[in-house]
Amino acid sequence: MLDNHAKLVKVIAASEGIVGRKKLQKIIYIMKKLGLPFEEKYTFYFYGPYSEELSLRIEEITNLGFVSEVREKKSNYYQYRYQVTEQGEDFLKHSNTELPLEQSLLQEMKEQSSRFLELVSTMLYFDHLPKPEIEQKVQEVKKKSNYTPEDIKEAWAFIDRLQK
């Protein structure tokens, strides 16, 4: 019944916590694009692919006590740290939800900046286009992000590693 909740808790548990709402959104989106069974629908938003469903699900698992959400003040903004609680660990023990996680890929995504994951997820959002058009589209929709040709090249290499 709570399969989609369990998948999300499993990702946070496997990554030993995730810092940042945007990072969590992008990690789940990238995993979905890699073929993992996430059902949330995404639309293109200010920071790239965004799922209102995922935001609500995060709020639900937090309210259920499966995940703790700690708000941390940074210089001029707040960021959120997600950690699986003991209740969440118990929930996973009783869940039959299957989610084939590749630990090294998850760790590699977790180590990336939110800005970089935003670029990667934006490129994957437009993956129905030819490569040159994806790059052009990224420059159009992410103009203010000032992604360099080197950033894009690094993102392509990252996508290639993830898809192997």
N, C-alpha and C. Protein backbone atom coordinates (compact mmCIF):
# COMPACT_ATOMS: atom_id res chain seq x y z
N MET A 1 0.82 -1.21 0.00
CA MET A 1 0.00 0.00 0.00
C MET A 1 0.86 1.26 0.00
N LEU A 2 1.91 1.23 0.77
CA LEU A 2 2.79 2.40 0.83
C LEU A 2 4.07 2.15 0.04
N ASP A 3 3.95 1.46 -1.09
CA ASP A 3 5.12 1.12 -1.90
C ASP A 3 5.94 2.34 -2.31
N ASN A 4 5.27 3.36 -2.79
CA ASN A 4 5.99 4.55 -3.24
C ASN A 4 6.69 5.26 -2.08
N HIS A 5 6.08 5.20 -0.91
CA HIS A 5 6.71 5.77 0.28
C HIS A 5 7.95 4.95 0.65
N ALA A 6 7.81 3.63 0.57
CA ALA A 6 8.92 2.74 0.93
C ALA A 6 10.10 2.95 -0.01
N LYS A 7 9.84 3.13 -1.30
CA LYS A 7 10.93 3.36 -2.26
C LYS A 7 11.72 4.61 -1.88
N LEU A 8 11.01 5.64 -1.52
CA LEU A 8 11.66 6.89 -1.14
C LEU A 8 12.47 6.73 0.15
N VAL A 9 11.89 6.05 1.13
CA VAL A 9 12.62 5.81 2.38
C VAL A 9 13.86 4.96 2.10
N LYS A 10 13.74 3.98 1.19
CA LYS A 10 14.89 3.12 0.85
C LYS A 10 16.03 3.93 0.23
N VAL A 11 15.70 4.88 -0.62
CA VAL A 11 16.73 5.72 -1.24
C VAL A 11 17.45 6.54 -0.18
N ILE A 12 16.68 7.14 0.71
CA ILE A 12 17.29 7.98 1.76
C ILE A 12 18.13 7.10 2.69
N ALA A 13 17.64 5.91 3.01
CA ALA A 13 18.40 4.99 3.87
C ALA A 13 19.68 4.54 3.19
N ALA A 14 19.58 4.14 1.93
CA ALA A 14 20.74 3.64 1.20
C ALA A 14 21.81 4.71 1.02
N SER A 15 21.39 5.95 0.95
CA SER A 15 22.36 7.04 0.77
C SER A 15 22.85 7.59 2.11
N GLU A 16 22.35 7.00 3.19
CA GLU A 16 22.71 7.45 4.54
C GLU A 16 22.38 8.92 4.74
N GLY A 17 21.26 9.33 4.19
CA GLY A 17 20.78 10.70 4.34
C GLY A 17 21.11 11.55 3.12
N ILE A 18 20.23 12.50 2.86
CA ILE A 18 20.42 13.41 1.73
C ILE A 18 20.21 14.83 2.23
N VAL A 19 21.09 15.72 1.80
CA VAL A 19 20.98 17.13 2.19
C VAL A 19 20.47 17.92 0.99
N GLY A 20 19.30 18.50 1.16
CA GLY A 20 18.74 19.39 0.14
C GLY A 20 17.50 18.84 -0.53
N ARG A 21 16.45 19.64 -0.53
CA ARG A 21 15.21 19.26 -1.21
C ARG A 21 15.44 19.12 -2.71
N LYS A 22 16.15 20.09 -3.28
CA LYS A 22 16.40 20.05 -4.72
C LYS A 22 17.23 18.82 -5.08
N LYS A 23 18.23 18.51 -4.27
CA LYS A 23 19.07 17.34 -4.55
C LYS A 23 18.24 16.07 -4.51
N LEU A 24 17.36 15.94 -3.52
CA LEU A 24 16.52 14.76 -3.42
C LEU A 24 15.60 14.64 -4.63
N GLN A 25 15.01 15.76 -5.04
CA GLN A 25 14.16 15.76 -6.25
C GLN A 25 14.94 15.27 -7.47
N LYS A 26 16.14 15.79 -7.64
CA LYS A 26 16.94 15.46 -8.83
C LYS A 26 17.41 14.01 -8.79
N ILE A 27 17.81 13.51 -7.62
CA ILE A 27 18.26 12.12 -7.51
C ILE A 27 17.12 11.17 -7.89
N ILE A 28 15.93 11.42 -7.37
CA ILE A 28 14.80 10.55 -7.69
C ILE A 28 14.47 10.64 -9.17
N TYR A 29 14.50 11.85 -9.73
CA TYR A 29 14.21 12.00 -11.16
C TYR A 29 15.22 11.23 -12.02
N ILE A 30 16.49 11.38 -11.71
CA ILE A 30 17.55 10.69 -12.47
C ILE A 30 17.38 9.18 -12.35
N MET A 31 17.06 8.71 -11.14
CA MET A 31 16.85 7.27 -10.96
C MET A 31 15.66 6.79 -11.79
N LYS A 32 14.62 7.60 -11.84
CA LYS A 32 13.44 7.25 -12.66
C LYS A 32 13.85 7.17 -14.13
N LYS A 33 14.65 8.13 -14.59
CA LYS A 33 15.11 8.12 -15.99
C LYS A 33 16.02 6.93 -16.28
N LEU A 34 16.66 6.40 -15.25
CA LEU A 34 17.51 5.22 -15.42
C LEU A 34 16.70 3.93 -15.39
N GLY A 35 15.39 4.06 -15.21
CA GLY A 35 14.51 2.90 -15.29
C GLY A 35 14.06 2.34 -13.95
N LEU A 36 14.41 3.00 -12.85
CA LEU A 36 13.93 2.52 -11.56
C LEU A 36 12.44 2.85 -11.44
N PRO A 37 11.68 2.00 -10.72
CA PRO A 37 10.22 2.11 -10.73
C PRO A 37 9.64 3.21 -9.83
N PHE A 38 9.94 4.44 -10.15
CA PHE A 38 9.32 5.58 -9.45
C PHE A 38 8.15 6.05 -10.29
N GLU A 39 7.02 6.31 -9.66
CA GLU A 39 5.80 6.63 -10.38
C GLU A 39 5.47 8.12 -10.41
N GLU A 40 6.22 8.93 -9.69
CA GLU A 40 5.90 10.35 -9.62
C GLU A 40 5.98 10.99 -10.99
N LYS A 41 5.05 11.89 -11.24
CA LYS A 41 5.05 12.65 -12.49
C LYS A 41 5.85 13.93 -12.30
N TYR A 42 6.61 14.28 -13.32
CA TYR A 42 7.45 15.48 -13.27
C TYR A 42 7.03 16.47 -14.34
N THR A 43 7.18 17.73 -14.00
CA THR A 43 7.00 18.81 -14.98
C THR A 43 8.28 19.63 -14.94
N PHE A 44 8.49 20.43 -15.97
CA PHE A 44 9.68 21.26 -15.98
C PHE A 44 9.37 22.54 -15.22
N TYR A 45 10.24 22.86 -14.28
CA TYR A 45 10.01 23.98 -13.39
C TYR A 45 11.28 24.83 -13.34
N PHE A 46 11.30 25.79 -12.46
CA PHE A 46 12.41 26.75 -12.37
C PHE A 46 13.77 26.07 -12.24
N TYR A 47 13.87 25.03 -11.42
CA TYR A 47 15.15 24.34 -11.21
C TYR A 47 15.23 23.03 -11.98
N GLY A 48 14.52 22.93 -13.08
CA GLY A 48 14.53 21.70 -13.87
C GLY A 48 13.34 20.83 -13.53
N PRO A 49 13.45 19.52 -13.79
CA PRO A 49 12.34 18.62 -13.52
C PRO A 49 11.95 18.66 -12.03
N TYR A 50 10.63 18.76 -11.80
CA TYR A 50 10.12 18.87 -10.43
C TYR A 50 8.83 18.06 -10.32
N SER A 51 8.66 17.39 -9.19
CA SER A 51 7.46 16.60 -8.95
C SER A 51 6.76 17.08 -7.68
N GLU A 52 5.56 17.61 -7.87
CA GLU A 52 4.72 18.00 -6.73
C GLU A 52 4.36 16.74 -5.92
N GLU A 53 4.10 15.63 -6.64
CA GLU A 53 3.80 14.35 -5.98
C GLU A 53 4.92 13.94 -5.03
N LEU A 54 6.16 14.09 -5.51
CA LEU A 54 7.31 13.72 -4.69
C LEU A 54 7.41 14.62 -3.46
N SER A 55 7.18 15.91 -3.64
CA SER A 55 7.20 16.83 -2.50
C SER A 55 6.18 16.42 -1.45
N LEU A 56 4.97 16.06 -1.90
CA LEU A 56 3.92 15.63 -0.97
C LEU A 56 4.31 14.32 -0.28
N ARG A 57 4.91 13.41 -1.04
CA ARG A 57 5.32 12.12 -0.48
C ARG A 57 6.41 12.33 0.58
N ILE A 58 7.34 13.24 0.33
CA ILE A 58 8.39 13.55 1.31
C ILE A 58 7.75 14.08 2.58
N GLU A 59 6.78 14.96 2.41
CA GLU A 59 6.07 15.52 3.56
C GLU A 59 5.35 14.40 4.33
N GLU A 60 4.74 13.47 3.61
CA GLU A 60 4.02 12.36 4.25
C GLU A 60 4.97 11.46 5.04
N ILE A 61 6.10 11.07 4.45
CA ILE A 61 7.01 10.16 5.18
C ILE A 61 7.64 10.87 6.38
N THR A 62 7.73 12.19 6.29
CA THR A 62 8.22 12.97 7.43
C THR A 62 7.15 13.00 8.52
N ASN A 63 5.89 13.26 8.12
CA ASN A 63 4.79 13.30 9.08
C ASN A 63 4.54 11.94 9.72
N LEU A 64 4.79 10.87 8.96
CA LEU A 64 4.63 9.51 9.50
C LEU A 64 5.78 9.13 10.44
N GLY A 65 6.82 9.94 10.47
CA GLY A 65 7.95 9.68 11.35
C GLY A 65 8.98 8.71 10.78
N PHE A 66 8.88 8.40 9.47
CA PHE A 66 9.83 7.48 8.84
C PHE A 66 11.15 8.18 8.50
N VAL A 67 11.07 9.47 8.28
CA VAL A 67 12.23 10.27 7.90
C VAL A 67 12.20 11.55 8.72
N SER A 68 13.37 11.96 9.19
CA SER A 68 13.45 13.25 9.87
C SER A 68 13.89 14.30 8.85
N GLU A 69 13.32 15.47 8.98
CA GLU A 69 13.67 16.61 8.12
C GLU A 69 14.18 17.71 9.04
N VAL A 70 15.46 18.00 8.94
CA VAL A 70 16.06 19.02 9.79
C VAL A 70 16.40 20.24 8.93
N ARG A 71 15.88 21.37 9.33
CA ARG A 71 16.12 22.62 8.61
C ARG A 71 17.38 23.26 9.16
N GLU A 72 18.35 23.51 8.26
CA GLU A 72 19.62 24.09 8.67
C GLU A 72 19.80 25.44 8.01
N LYS A 73 20.18 26.43 8.81
CA LYS A 73 20.38 27.77 8.25
C LYS A 73 21.76 27.86 7.63
N LYS A 74 21.79 28.28 6.38
CA LYS A 74 23.05 28.56 5.69
C LYS A 74 23.18 30.08 5.65
N SER A 75 24.17 30.58 4.96
CA SER A 75 24.42 32.02 4.97
C SER A 75 23.16 32.85 4.64
N ASN A 76 22.51 32.56 3.53
CA ASN A 76 21.33 33.37 3.17
C ASN A 76 20.12 32.52 2.78
N TYR A 77 20.11 31.26 3.19
CA TYR A 77 18.98 30.38 2.88
C TYR A 77 18.94 29.23 3.87
N TYR A 78 17.88 28.43 3.78
CA TYR A 78 17.76 27.23 4.58
C TYR A 78 17.92 26.01 3.68
N GLN A 79 18.52 24.97 4.22
CA GLN A 79 18.56 23.70 3.50
C GLN A 79 18.00 22.64 4.44
N TYR A 80 17.56 21.55 3.85
CA TYR A 80 16.91 20.49 4.61
C TYR A 80 17.71 19.20 4.52
N ARG A 81 17.88 18.58 5.69
CA ARG A 81 18.63 17.32 5.79
C ARG A 81 17.63 16.21 6.08
N TYR A 82 17.65 15.17 5.23
CA TYR A 82 16.74 14.03 5.39
C TYR A 82 17.51 12.81 5.86
N GLN A 83 17.00 12.20 6.92
CA GLN A 83 17.64 11.04 7.54
C GLN A 83 16.53 10.05 7.90
N VAL A 84 16.76 8.77 7.67
CA VAL A 84 15.77 7.75 8.05
C VAL A 84 15.81 7.57 9.57
N THR A 85 14.64 7.51 10.18
CA THR A 85 14.52 7.33 11.63
C THR A 85 14.42 5.84 11.97
N GLU A 86 14.41 5.53 13.26
CA GLU A 86 14.21 4.14 13.69
C GLU A 86 12.86 3.62 13.20
N GLN A 87 11.84 4.47 13.27
CA GLN A 87 10.51 4.09 12.76
C GLN A 87 10.60 3.77 11.27
N GLY A 88 11.38 4.55 10.55
CA GLY A 88 11.56 4.31 9.13
C GLY A 88 12.26 3.00 8.86
N GLU A 89 13.26 2.67 9.68
CA GLU A 89 13.97 1.39 9.55
C GLU A 89 13.00 0.24 9.80
N ASP A 90 12.15 0.36 10.82
CA ASP A 90 11.14 -0.67 11.10
C ASP A 90 10.17 -0.80 9.94
N PHE A 91 9.76 0.33 9.39
CA PHE A 91 8.84 0.35 8.25
C PHE A 91 9.45 -0.44 7.08
N LEU A 92 10.74 -0.21 6.81
CA LEU A 92 11.41 -0.91 5.71
C LEU A 92 11.51 -2.41 5.97
N LYS A 93 11.71 -2.80 7.22
CA LYS A 93 11.80 -4.23 7.56
C LYS A 93 10.50 -4.95 7.23
N HIS A 94 9.38 -4.25 7.34
CA HIS A 94 8.07 -4.85 7.09
C HIS A 94 7.56 -4.60 5.68
N SER A 95 8.34 -3.91 4.88
CA SER A 95 7.94 -3.59 3.51
C SER A 95 8.48 -4.64 2.54
N ASN A 96 7.64 -5.03 1.60
CA ASN A 96 8.08 -5.98 0.57
C ASN A 96 8.46 -5.27 -0.72
N THR A 97 8.58 -3.96 -0.66
CA THR A 97 8.87 -3.16 -1.84
C THR A 97 10.26 -3.45 -2.36
N GLU A 98 10.34 -3.75 -3.65
CA GLU A 98 11.61 -4.02 -4.31
C GLU A 98 12.11 -2.75 -4.98
N LEU A 99 13.35 -2.43 -4.77
CA LEU A 99 13.98 -1.29 -5.44
C LEU A 99 15.45 -1.64 -5.63
N PRO A 100 15.82 -2.06 -6.85
CA PRO A 100 17.21 -2.47 -7.09
C PRO A 100 18.14 -1.25 -7.16
N LEU A 101 18.70 -0.90 -6.02
CA LEU A 101 19.57 0.27 -5.95
C LEU A 101 21.02 -0.10 -6.20
N GLU A 102 21.67 0.65 -7.04
CA GLU A 102 23.10 0.50 -7.28
C GLU A 102 23.78 1.49 -6.33
N GLN A 103 24.32 0.96 -5.23
CA GLN A 103 24.88 1.79 -4.16
C GLN A 103 25.91 2.80 -4.67
N SER A 104 26.79 2.37 -5.56
CA SER A 104 27.85 3.28 -6.03
C SER A 104 27.27 4.44 -6.85
N LEU A 105 26.23 4.16 -7.64
CA LEU A 105 25.60 5.24 -8.42
C LEU A 105 24.90 6.23 -7.51
N LEU A 106 24.21 5.70 -6.52
CA LEU A 106 23.51 6.56 -5.57
C LEU A 106 24.52 7.44 -4.83
N GLN A 107 25.62 6.85 -4.41
CA GLN A 107 26.65 7.60 -3.70
C GLN A 107 27.25 8.67 -4.60
N GLU A 108 27.48 8.32 -5.87
CA GLU A 108 28.05 9.29 -6.80
C GLU A 108 27.10 10.47 -7.02
N MET A 109 25.80 10.20 -7.10
CA MET A 109 24.83 11.29 -7.26
C MET A 109 24.80 12.15 -6.01
N LYS A 110 24.83 11.51 -4.86
CA LYS A 110 24.78 12.24 -3.58
C LYS A 110 25.97 13.20 -3.44
N GLU A 111 27.12 12.80 -3.98
CA GLU A 111 28.33 13.62 -3.86
C GLU A 111 28.33 14.83 -4.80
N GLN A 112 27.45 14.82 -5.79
CA GLN A 112 27.40 15.94 -6.74
C GLN A 112 26.67 17.13 -6.12
N SER A 113 26.95 18.32 -6.66
CA SER A 113 26.23 19.51 -6.20
C SER A 113 24.82 19.49 -6.77
N SER A 114 23.92 20.19 -6.10
CA SER A 114 22.55 20.32 -6.59
C SER A 114 22.54 20.99 -7.96
N ARG A 115 23.43 21.95 -8.15
CA ARG A 115 23.52 22.66 -9.43
C ARG A 115 23.86 21.70 -10.57
N PHE A 116 24.81 20.80 -10.31
CA PHE A 116 25.21 19.82 -11.32
C PHE A 116 24.08 18.83 -11.59
N LEU A 117 23.41 18.35 -10.53
CA LEU A 117 22.29 17.42 -10.71
C LEU A 117 21.14 18.10 -11.44
N GLU A 118 20.99 19.39 -11.24
CA GLU A 118 19.98 20.16 -11.97
C GLU A 118 20.30 20.13 -13.47
N LEU A 119 21.56 20.29 -13.81
CA LEU A 119 21.98 20.24 -15.22
C LEU A 119 21.74 18.84 -15.79
N VAL A 120 22.17 17.82 -15.09
CA VAL A 120 22.01 16.44 -15.56
C VAL A 120 20.53 16.11 -15.75
N SER A 121 19.71 16.45 -14.77
CA SER A 121 18.28 16.12 -14.86
C SER A 121 17.60 16.91 -15.97
N THR A 122 18.04 18.14 -16.20
CA THR A 122 17.49 18.94 -17.30
C THR A 122 17.85 18.29 -18.64
N MET A 123 19.09 17.84 -18.78
CA MET A 123 19.50 17.18 -20.01
C MET A 123 18.69 15.89 -20.22
N LEU A 124 18.46 15.14 -19.15
CA LEU A 124 17.68 13.92 -19.26
C LEU A 124 16.21 14.21 -19.56
N TYR A 125 15.73 15.35 -19.11
CA TYR A 125 14.33 15.73 -19.37
C TYR A 125 14.09 15.89 -20.87
N PHE A 126 15.12 16.36 -21.55
CA PHE A 126 15.01 16.59 -23.00
C PHE A 126 15.66 15.46 -23.81
N ASP A 127 15.78 14.27 -23.22
CA ASP A 127 16.49 13.17 -23.89
C ASP A 127 15.78 12.62 -25.12
N HIS A 128 14.62 13.12 -25.42
CA HIS A 128 13.93 12.72 -26.66
C HIS A 128 14.47 13.50 -27.86
N LEU A 129 15.30 14.50 -27.60
CA LEU A 129 15.90 15.32 -28.66
C LEU A 129 17.30 14.82 -29.00
N PRO A 130 17.81 15.16 -30.19
CA PRO A 130 19.21 14.84 -30.50
C PRO A 130 20.14 15.63 -29.58
N LYS A 131 21.32 15.08 -29.36
CA LYS A 131 22.29 15.66 -28.42
C LYS A 131 22.53 17.16 -28.63
N PRO A 132 22.79 17.64 -29.86
CA PRO A 132 23.03 19.08 -30.04
C PRO A 132 21.82 19.93 -29.63
N GLU A 133 20.62 19.40 -29.88
CA GLU A 133 19.42 20.14 -29.50
C GLU A 133 19.22 20.16 -27.99
N ILE A 134 19.62 19.07 -27.32
CA ILE A 134 19.55 19.04 -25.85
C ILE A 134 20.44 20.15 -25.29
N GLU A 135 21.66 20.23 -25.83
CA GLU A 135 22.60 21.25 -25.35
C GLU A 135 22.06 22.66 -25.60
N GLN A 136 21.47 22.85 -26.77
CA GLN A 136 20.89 24.16 -27.11
C GLN A 136 19.71 24.47 -26.17
N LYS A 137 18.88 23.47 -25.92
CA LYS A 137 17.71 23.64 -25.04
C LYS A 137 18.16 24.00 -23.62
N VAL A 138 19.20 23.33 -23.14
CA VAL A 138 19.73 23.63 -21.80
C VAL A 138 20.18 25.08 -21.72
N GLN A 139 20.87 25.55 -22.76
CA GLN A 139 21.34 26.94 -22.76
C GLN A 139 20.17 27.92 -22.78
N GLU A 140 19.07 27.52 -23.42
CA GLU A 140 17.88 28.39 -23.46
C GLU A 140 17.16 28.42 -22.11
N VAL A 141 16.82 27.24 -21.59
CA VAL A 141 15.99 27.19 -20.38
C VAL A 141 16.79 27.44 -19.09
N LYS A 142 18.08 27.30 -19.15
CA LYS A 142 18.93 27.49 -17.98
C LYS A 142 19.92 28.63 -18.20
N LYS A 143 19.50 29.62 -18.94
CA LYS A 143 20.37 30.74 -19.31
C LYS A 143 21.04 31.38 -18.08
N LYS A 144 20.26 31.60 -17.02
CA LYS A 144 20.79 32.26 -15.83
C LYS A 144 21.79 31.40 -15.05
N SER A 145 21.79 30.10 -15.32
CA SER A 145 22.71 29.21 -14.61
C SER A 145 24.12 29.27 -15.16
N ASN A 146 24.25 29.85 -16.35
CA ASN A 146 25.57 30.01 -16.97
C ASN A 146 26.38 28.72 -17.03
N TYR A 147 25.76 27.65 -17.49
CA TYR A 147 26.49 26.40 -17.66
C TYR A 147 27.48 26.55 -18.81
N THR A 148 28.71 26.14 -18.55
CA THR A 148 29.76 26.26 -19.56
C THR A 148 29.77 25.00 -20.43
N PRO A 149 30.45 25.05 -21.58
CA PRO A 149 30.61 23.84 -22.39
C PRO A 149 31.28 22.71 -21.59
N GLU A 150 32.18 23.07 -20.67
CA GLU A 150 32.84 22.07 -19.83
C GLU A 150 31.84 21.42 -18.88
N ASP A 151 30.91 22.23 -18.31
CA ASP A 151 29.87 21.69 -17.44
C ASP A 151 29.03 20.66 -18.20
N ILE A 152 28.67 21.01 -19.42
CA ILE A 152 27.82 20.13 -20.23
C ILE A 152 28.58 18.85 -20.60
N LYS A 153 29.85 19.00 -20.93
CA LYS A 153 30.67 17.82 -21.26
C LYS A 153 30.77 16.90 -20.04
N GLU A 154 30.98 17.50 -18.87
CA GLU A 154 31.06 16.72 -17.63
C GLU A 154 29.72 16.02 -17.35
N ALA A 155 28.61 16.70 -17.62
CA ALA A 155 27.29 16.12 -17.40
C ALA A 155 27.05 14.94 -18.34
N TRP A 156 27.48 15.07 -19.62
CA TRP A 156 27.35 13.94 -20.56
C TRP A 156 28.15 12.73 -20.07
N ALA A 157 29.36 12.97 -19.57
CA ALA A 157 30.20 11.88 -19.07
C ALA A 157 29.54 11.22 -17.85
N PHE A 158 28.94 12.04 -17.01
CA PHE A 158 28.24 11.53 -15.82
C PHE A 158 27.05 10.67 -16.25
N ILE A 159 26.27 11.15 -17.21
CA ILE A 159 25.11 10.40 -17.71
C ILE A 159 25.57 9.08 -18.30
N ASP A 160 26.66 9.09 -19.07
CA ASP A 160 27.19 7.85 -19.64
C ASP A 160 27.56 6.85 -18.56
N ARG A 161 28.21 7.33 -17.49
CA ARG A 161 28.58 6.43 -16.37
C ARG A 161 27.34 5.85 -15.69
N LEU A 162 26.33 6.67 -15.51
CA LEU A 162 25.10 6.21 -14.85
C LEU A 162 24.37 5.16 -15.68
N GLN A 163 24.42 5.29 -17.00
CA GLN A 163 23.66 4.41 -17.87
C GLN A 163 24.35 3.08 -18.16
N LYS A 164 25.57 2.89 -17.66
CA LYS A 164 26.29 1.63 -17.90
C LYS A 164 25.89 0.56 -16.94
